[in-house]
N, C-alpha and C. Protein backbone atom coordinates (compact mmCIF):
# COMPACT_ATOMS: atom_id res chain seq x y z
N ILE A 1 9.27 14.25 -4.89
CA ILE A 1 9.78 13.98 -3.55
C ILE A 1 9.79 15.30 -2.74
N ALA A 2 10.19 16.36 -3.40
CA ALA A 2 10.27 17.65 -2.67
C ALA A 2 8.87 18.18 -2.28
N LEU A 3 7.90 17.76 -3.04
CA LEU A 3 6.53 18.21 -2.76
C LEU A 3 5.83 17.39 -1.73
N ALA A 4 6.16 16.09 -1.62
CA ALA A 4 5.48 15.16 -0.73
C ALA A 4 6.15 14.96 0.64
N LEU A 5 7.44 15.26 0.64
CA LEU A 5 8.15 15.01 1.93
C LEU A 5 7.67 15.91 3.14
N PRO A 6 7.45 17.19 2.93
CA PRO A 6 6.92 17.95 4.09
C PRO A 6 5.50 17.46 4.51
N GLN A 7 4.71 17.07 3.52
CA GLN A 7 3.32 16.59 3.90
C GLN A 7 3.43 15.23 4.61
N ALA A 8 4.36 14.44 4.22
CA ALA A 8 4.49 13.14 4.86
C ALA A 8 4.97 13.33 6.33
N SER A 9 5.80 14.29 6.54
CA SER A 9 6.23 14.51 7.96
C SER A 9 5.09 15.03 8.83
N ILE A 10 4.18 15.84 8.28
CA ILE A 10 3.00 16.32 9.01
C ILE A 10 2.15 15.18 9.28
N LEU A 11 1.90 14.25 8.29
CA LEU A 11 1.04 13.17 8.56
C LEU A 11 1.61 12.22 9.60
N ALA A 12 2.90 11.97 9.62
CA ALA A 12 3.56 11.16 10.61
C ALA A 12 3.32 11.75 12.02
N ARG A 13 3.49 13.00 12.15
CA ARG A 13 3.28 13.65 13.49
C ARG A 13 1.83 13.47 13.93
N VAL A 14 0.90 13.76 13.05
CA VAL A 14 -0.52 13.69 13.42
C VAL A 14 -0.84 12.20 13.73
N MET A 15 -0.38 11.25 12.97
CA MET A 15 -0.66 9.86 13.19
C MET A 15 -0.08 9.40 14.56
N ARG A 16 1.10 9.84 14.88
CA ARG A 16 1.76 9.47 16.16
C ARG A 16 0.97 10.06 17.30
N SER A 17 0.64 11.32 17.28
CA SER A 17 -0.10 11.89 18.40
C SER A 17 -1.51 11.32 18.50
N ALA A 18 -2.19 11.05 17.39
CA ALA A 18 -3.52 10.43 17.43
C ALA A 18 -3.45 8.97 18.06
N LEU A 19 -2.42 8.25 17.67
CA LEU A 19 -2.32 6.90 18.17
C LEU A 19 -1.94 6.87 19.63
N ILE A 20 -1.06 7.79 20.06
CA ILE A 20 -0.71 7.85 21.45
C ILE A 20 -1.96 8.16 22.26
N GLU A 21 -2.73 9.16 21.80
CA GLU A 21 -3.93 9.51 22.50
C GLU A 21 -4.90 8.42 22.58
N THR A 22 -5.14 7.68 21.42
CA THR A 22 -6.03 6.56 21.39
C THR A 22 -5.65 5.39 22.30
N LEU A 23 -4.35 5.12 22.33
CA LEU A 23 -3.84 4.01 23.16
C LEU A 23 -4.11 4.24 24.67
N GLY A 24 -4.35 5.48 25.09
CA GLY A 24 -4.55 5.78 26.49
C GLY A 24 -6.07 5.72 26.84
N GLN A 25 -6.91 5.40 25.89
CA GLN A 25 -8.37 5.37 26.21
C GLN A 25 -8.72 4.16 27.02
N ASP A 26 -9.85 4.18 27.62
CA ASP A 26 -10.37 3.11 28.47
C ASP A 26 -10.73 1.83 27.66
N TYR A 27 -11.29 1.98 26.47
CA TYR A 27 -11.69 0.84 25.74
C TYR A 27 -10.47 -0.04 25.25
N ILE A 28 -9.32 0.61 25.11
CA ILE A 28 -8.10 -0.16 24.78
C ILE A 28 -7.66 -0.91 25.99
N ARG A 29 -7.71 -0.34 27.13
CA ARG A 29 -7.34 -1.03 28.34
C ARG A 29 -8.31 -2.25 28.59
N THR A 30 -9.57 -1.99 28.29
CA THR A 30 -10.57 -3.09 28.44
C THR A 30 -10.31 -4.23 27.47
N ALA A 31 -9.96 -3.89 26.24
CA ALA A 31 -9.66 -4.93 25.23
C ALA A 31 -8.47 -5.76 25.64
N ARG A 32 -7.43 -5.04 26.16
CA ARG A 32 -6.29 -5.81 26.71
C ARG A 32 -6.58 -6.67 27.81
N ALA A 33 -7.52 -6.18 28.80
CA ALA A 33 -7.87 -6.94 29.89
C ALA A 33 -8.69 -8.21 29.55
N LYS A 34 -9.46 -8.09 28.42
CA LYS A 34 -10.21 -9.24 27.93
C LYS A 34 -9.33 -10.35 27.25
N GLY A 35 -8.09 -10.06 27.09
CA GLY A 35 -7.15 -11.07 26.52
C GLY A 35 -6.62 -10.80 25.16
N LEU A 36 -6.92 -9.66 24.52
CA LEU A 36 -6.32 -9.35 23.25
C LEU A 36 -4.87 -8.99 23.43
N SER A 37 -4.07 -9.43 22.52
CA SER A 37 -2.64 -9.06 22.54
C SER A 37 -2.50 -7.53 22.22
N ARG A 38 -1.38 -7.01 22.58
CA ARG A 38 -1.11 -5.61 22.32
C ARG A 38 -1.23 -5.32 20.79
N ARG A 39 -0.80 -6.17 19.96
CA ARG A 39 -0.88 -5.97 18.53
C ARG A 39 -2.38 -6.02 18.08
N GLN A 40 -3.11 -6.95 18.57
CA GLN A 40 -4.51 -7.04 18.14
C GLN A 40 -5.34 -5.83 18.69
N ALA A 41 -5.05 -5.40 19.91
CA ALA A 41 -5.76 -4.19 20.41
C ALA A 41 -5.36 -3.00 19.64
N THR A 42 -4.14 -2.88 19.18
CA THR A 42 -3.73 -1.75 18.38
C THR A 42 -4.32 -1.69 17.05
N THR A 43 -4.32 -2.86 16.32
CA THR A 43 -4.84 -2.90 14.92
C THR A 43 -6.32 -2.90 14.90
N ARG A 44 -6.99 -3.67 15.80
CA ARG A 44 -8.46 -3.69 15.75
C ARG A 44 -9.18 -2.50 16.31
N HIS A 45 -8.57 -1.92 17.34
CA HIS A 45 -9.31 -0.82 18.02
C HIS A 45 -8.68 0.51 17.85
N ALA A 46 -7.39 0.61 18.18
CA ALA A 46 -6.68 1.90 18.29
C ALA A 46 -6.41 2.52 16.84
N LEU A 47 -5.92 1.73 15.97
CA LEU A 47 -5.59 2.19 14.70
C LEU A 47 -6.85 2.68 13.91
N ARG A 48 -7.91 2.03 14.02
CA ARG A 48 -9.14 2.43 13.39
C ARG A 48 -9.59 3.80 13.84
N ASN A 49 -9.50 4.07 15.14
CA ASN A 49 -9.92 5.32 15.64
C ASN A 49 -8.85 6.43 15.53
N ALA A 50 -7.59 6.06 15.41
CA ALA A 50 -6.53 7.02 15.20
C ALA A 50 -6.52 7.51 13.74
N LEU A 51 -7.06 6.81 12.79
CA LEU A 51 -7.02 7.20 11.40
C LEU A 51 -8.03 8.38 11.08
N ILE A 52 -8.94 8.61 11.94
CA ILE A 52 -9.94 9.66 11.69
C ILE A 52 -9.26 11.02 11.40
N PRO A 53 -8.40 11.49 12.42
CA PRO A 53 -7.78 12.78 12.09
C PRO A 53 -6.78 12.72 10.91
N VAL A 54 -6.19 11.54 10.67
CA VAL A 54 -5.22 11.43 9.64
C VAL A 54 -5.96 11.58 8.26
N LEU A 55 -7.10 10.96 8.10
CA LEU A 55 -7.83 11.09 6.85
C LEU A 55 -8.33 12.48 6.64
N THR A 56 -8.61 13.21 7.70
CA THR A 56 -9.04 14.65 7.59
C THR A 56 -7.81 15.42 7.02
N ILE A 57 -6.65 15.18 7.57
CA ILE A 57 -5.44 15.91 7.11
C ILE A 57 -5.14 15.59 5.65
N ILE A 58 -5.29 14.32 5.24
CA ILE A 58 -5.03 13.93 3.89
C ILE A 58 -5.97 14.65 2.92
N GLY A 59 -7.23 14.79 3.30
CA GLY A 59 -8.13 15.49 2.53
C GLY A 59 -7.74 16.99 2.34
N LEU A 60 -7.25 17.56 3.43
CA LEU A 60 -6.86 18.97 3.35
C LEU A 60 -5.57 19.13 2.52
N GLN A 61 -4.68 18.14 2.60
CA GLN A 61 -3.35 18.23 1.93
C GLN A 61 -3.46 17.88 0.43
N PHE A 62 -4.57 17.28 0.02
CA PHE A 62 -4.68 16.95 -1.41
C PHE A 62 -4.69 18.19 -2.28
N SER A 63 -5.34 19.22 -1.88
CA SER A 63 -5.41 20.43 -2.68
C SER A 63 -3.99 21.06 -2.76
N PHE A 64 -3.29 21.06 -1.65
CA PHE A 64 -1.92 21.57 -1.64
C PHE A 64 -1.05 20.81 -2.56
N LEU A 65 -1.16 19.56 -2.59
CA LEU A 65 -0.31 18.67 -3.44
C LEU A 65 -0.62 18.88 -4.92
N LEU A 66 -1.91 19.06 -5.23
CA LEU A 66 -2.36 19.31 -6.53
C LEU A 66 -1.87 20.67 -7.12
N ALA A 67 -2.02 21.65 -6.23
CA ALA A 67 -1.55 23.02 -6.58
C ALA A 67 0.00 23.02 -6.78
N GLY A 68 0.67 22.35 -5.98
CA GLY A 68 2.10 22.25 -6.03
C GLY A 68 2.56 21.54 -7.27
N ALA A 69 1.79 20.49 -7.67
CA ALA A 69 2.13 19.74 -8.88
C ALA A 69 1.92 20.61 -10.11
N ILE A 70 0.85 21.41 -10.07
CA ILE A 70 0.69 22.37 -11.21
C ILE A 70 1.82 23.36 -11.31
N ILE A 71 2.25 23.91 -10.24
CA ILE A 71 3.28 24.88 -10.27
C ILE A 71 4.62 24.21 -10.78
N ILE A 72 4.97 23.14 -10.18
CA ILE A 72 6.30 22.46 -10.44
C ILE A 72 6.29 21.98 -11.93
N GLU A 73 5.16 21.43 -12.40
CA GLU A 73 5.13 20.89 -13.74
C GLU A 73 5.19 22.02 -14.82
N ASN A 74 4.67 23.14 -14.45
CA ASN A 74 4.69 24.28 -15.37
C ASN A 74 6.06 25.02 -15.38
N VAL A 75 6.63 25.13 -14.20
CA VAL A 75 7.96 25.77 -14.15
C VAL A 75 9.03 24.93 -14.81
N PHE A 76 9.02 23.66 -14.62
CA PHE A 76 10.10 22.81 -15.15
C PHE A 76 9.66 22.13 -16.46
N TYR A 77 8.50 22.46 -16.97
CA TYR A 77 7.99 21.92 -18.22
C TYR A 77 7.98 20.37 -18.21
N LEU A 78 7.31 19.79 -17.17
CA LEU A 78 7.23 18.36 -17.05
C LEU A 78 5.82 17.91 -17.48
N PRO A 79 5.70 16.76 -18.11
CA PRO A 79 4.36 16.27 -18.46
C PRO A 79 3.75 15.63 -17.17
N GLY A 80 2.48 15.83 -16.98
CA GLY A 80 1.88 15.23 -15.83
C GLY A 80 0.44 15.72 -15.60
N LEU A 81 -0.16 15.33 -14.47
CA LEU A 81 -1.49 15.72 -14.14
C LEU A 81 -1.62 17.24 -13.96
N GLY A 82 -0.66 17.83 -13.28
CA GLY A 82 -0.68 19.27 -13.06
C GLY A 82 -0.72 20.08 -14.36
N ARG A 83 0.06 19.66 -15.32
CA ARG A 83 0.15 20.38 -16.64
C ARG A 83 -1.20 20.13 -17.36
N LEU A 84 -1.73 18.95 -17.27
CA LEU A 84 -3.04 18.66 -17.93
C LEU A 84 -4.13 19.51 -17.32
N ILE A 85 -4.19 19.64 -16.01
CA ILE A 85 -5.16 20.54 -15.40
C ILE A 85 -5.05 21.94 -15.80
N PHE A 86 -3.77 22.44 -15.88
CA PHE A 86 -3.50 23.80 -16.19
C PHE A 86 -3.89 24.11 -17.65
N GLN A 87 -3.71 23.19 -18.55
CA GLN A 87 -4.05 23.41 -19.96
C GLN A 87 -5.51 23.25 -20.26
N ALA A 88 -6.25 22.58 -19.36
CA ALA A 88 -7.63 22.31 -19.64
C ALA A 88 -8.49 23.60 -19.56
């Protein structure tokens, strides 16, 4: 929990800003004008394009989470993937 909570807050901020930026685009307004509900426009168009920066951040955070797991599992002598990588 201590390792993932700061990363989750960063992801939430990036997701929120990307979604707000995407919802202001012209193609979202066009989809709403064509008759899509707000939910359909958000899920079909906005969410798909807002996930691009989020996936980039997840890729960058993966190495941080793995390194943190190695440190935590070796300091507290816990079994897990970090210890397995360290012993390999």
